[in-house]
Amino acid sequence: MYQLTQVDEVIRLSDGAVIPADPSNIDRQQYDAWLAAGNMPQPAPEAAAPQAPGLLPLQFIERFTEAEQLAIVTASMQVPAVKLWYDKLLSASEVVQTDARLIAGMAALVEAGLITSERSAQVLDWS
């Protein structure tokens, strides 16, 4: 399953991969074939009002409860998509609400059963 973005990229929800609009990209070719088979991606999130400044990675991680943090760390040792997202999060200089990679990572946490959709929305709301 895929999700559109506000820019010309697509997010593969199974692993949070951001797929560019490059017809030579193998992931884009698979997405195009998936579309041609009659599938429909999830719509892009609505463009939000001006966002609050980004957070430091530690500030973002602390938006999760301690139990959620432990579950994410545990999953990062077992689920490659969660590990990749978590590693990228830790290496970021800033976490921005509208970043497609952040949104995809949160979707991966929901898909892995680590948090609910409602909890994801709460964590992403720092307005």
Protein backbone atom coordinates (compact mmCIF):
# COMPACT_ATOMS: atom_id res chain seq x y z
CA MET A 1 0.00 0.00 0.00
CA TYR A 2 1.15 3.51 -0.81
CA GLN A 3 0.39 7.07 0.22
CA LEU A 4 0.67 10.19 -1.89
CA THR A 5 2.56 13.23 -0.59
CA GLN A 6 2.20 16.97 -1.15
CA VAL A 7 5.18 16.76 -3.52
CA ASP A 8 5.77 14.40 -6.41
CA GLU A 9 6.86 11.48 -4.23
CA VAL A 10 5.02 8.42 -2.96
CA ILE A 11 5.46 6.66 0.37
CA ARG A 12 5.47 2.86 0.48
CA LEU A 13 3.74 2.25 3.81
CA SER A 14 5.17 -1.22 4.41
CA ASP A 15 8.65 0.14 5.05
CA GLY A 16 8.37 3.93 4.89
CA ALA A 17 10.39 4.21 1.67
CA VAL A 18 10.00 7.54 -0.11
CA ILE A 19 9.73 6.83 -3.83
CA PRO A 20 10.73 9.63 -6.23
CA ALA A 21 8.90 10.41 -9.46
CA ASP A 22 11.76 8.91 -11.46
CA PRO A 23 10.49 6.44 -14.09
CA SER A 24 13.86 4.61 -14.03
CA ASN A 25 13.53 3.94 -10.27
CA ILE A 26 12.59 0.27 -9.71
CA ASP A 27 10.36 1.16 -6.77
CA ARG A 28 8.55 3.73 -8.91
CA GLN A 29 8.09 1.12 -11.65
CA GLN A 30 6.54 -1.26 -9.09
CA TYR A 31 4.27 1.53 -7.85
CA ASP A 32 3.21 2.37 -11.42
CA ALA A 33 2.42 -1.33 -12.05
CA TRP A 34 0.45 -1.43 -8.79
CA LEU A 35 -1.54 1.60 -10.00
CA ALA A 36 -2.08 0.03 -13.41
CA ALA A 37 -3.56 -3.02 -11.68
CA GLY A 38 -6.36 -0.76 -10.42
CA ASN A 39 -5.07 -0.02 -6.93
CA MET A 40 -5.49 3.38 -5.29
CA PRO A 41 -2.96 4.98 -2.92
CA GLN A 42 -3.98 6.72 0.27
CA PRO A 43 -4.41 10.45 -0.29
CA ALA A 44 -1.73 12.91 0.74
CA PRO A 45 -2.24 14.50 4.13
CA GLU A 46 -3.77 17.94 3.79
CA ALA A 47 -1.29 20.76 3.76
CA ALA A 48 -1.10 22.02 7.29
CA ALA A 49 -1.07 25.57 8.47
CA PRO A 50 2.38 26.99 9.15
CA GLN A 51 4.17 24.59 11.43
CA ALA A 52 5.86 25.12 14.71
CA PRO A 53 9.63 24.94 14.49
CA GLY A 54 11.15 21.49 14.30
CA LEU A 55 12.14 19.51 17.35
CA LEU A 56 15.46 18.01 18.30
CA PRO A 57 15.35 14.21 17.93
CA LEU A 58 15.46 13.76 21.72
CA GLN A 59 12.55 16.16 22.16
CA PHE A 60 10.58 14.16 19.60
CA ILE A 61 11.40 10.80 21.18
CA GLU A 62 10.27 12.13 24.55
CA ARG A 63 6.80 12.72 23.10
CA PHE A 64 6.38 8.94 23.38
CA THR A 65 5.71 7.30 26.73
CA GLU A 66 8.52 5.26 28.23
CA ALA A 67 6.63 2.06 27.39
CA GLU A 68 6.26 3.21 23.77
CA GLN A 69 9.95 4.10 23.60
CA LEU A 70 10.91 0.64 24.86
CA ALA A 71 8.54 -1.02 22.38
CA ILE A 72 10.03 1.00 19.50
CA VAL A 73 13.61 0.17 20.53
CA THR A 74 12.70 -3.52 20.87
CA ALA A 75 11.00 -3.50 17.47
CA SER A 76 14.02 -1.74 15.95
CA MET A 77 16.00 -4.89 16.75
CA GLN A 78 13.47 -7.10 14.96
CA VAL A 79 11.70 -5.08 12.25
CA PRO A 80 14.02 -3.63 9.60
CA ALA A 81 11.62 -0.82 8.61
CA VAL A 82 11.38 0.36 12.22
CA LYS A 83 15.17 0.11 12.66
CA LEU A 84 15.81 2.17 9.55
CA TRP A 85 13.32 4.85 10.60
CA TYR A 86 14.65 4.96 14.17
CA ASP A 87 18.27 5.22 13.01
CA LYS A 88 17.38 8.07 10.64
CA LEU A 89 15.45 9.80 13.42
CA LEU A 90 18.43 9.62 15.77
CA SER A 91 20.78 11.01 13.13
CA ALA A 92 18.52 13.93 12.17
CA SER A 93 19.45 17.42 13.24
CA GLU A 94 15.78 18.41 13.39
CA VAL A 95 12.42 16.62 13.29
CA VAL A 96 9.81 18.45 11.20
CA GLN A 97 6.12 17.52 11.34
CA THR A 98 5.58 17.67 7.59
CA ASP A 99 8.59 15.55 6.60
CA ALA A 100 7.33 12.64 4.49
CA ARG A 101 9.89 10.35 6.12
CA LEU A 102 8.55 11.16 9.59
CA ILE A 103 4.98 10.53 8.46
CA ALA A 104 6.00 7.24 6.84
CA GLY A 105 7.91 6.20 9.96
CA MET A 106 4.90 6.91 12.15
CA ALA A 107 2.75 4.87 9.75
CA ALA A 108 5.26 2.02 10.09
CA LEU A 109 4.93 2.18 13.89
CA VAL A 110 1.15 1.96 13.55
CA GLU A 111 1.43 -0.88 11.02
CA ALA A 112 3.78 -2.76 13.37
CA GLY A 113 1.18 -2.39 16.15
CA LEU A 114 3.51 -0.32 18.34
CA ILE A 115 1.13 2.64 18.59
CA THR A 116 -2.42 3.40 17.44
CA SER A 117 -3.36 5.84 14.70
CA GLU A 118 -4.81 8.11 17.37
CA ARG A 119 -1.58 8.02 19.36
CA SER A 120 0.41 8.76 16.20
CA ALA A 121 -1.72 11.87 15.64
CA GLN A 122 -1.09 12.97 19.24
CA VAL A 123 2.67 12.52 18.93
CA LEU A 124 2.71 14.46 15.66
CA ASP A 125 0.69 17.37 17.07
CA TRP A 126 3.11 19.83 18.59
CA SER A 127 1.40 23.01 17.45
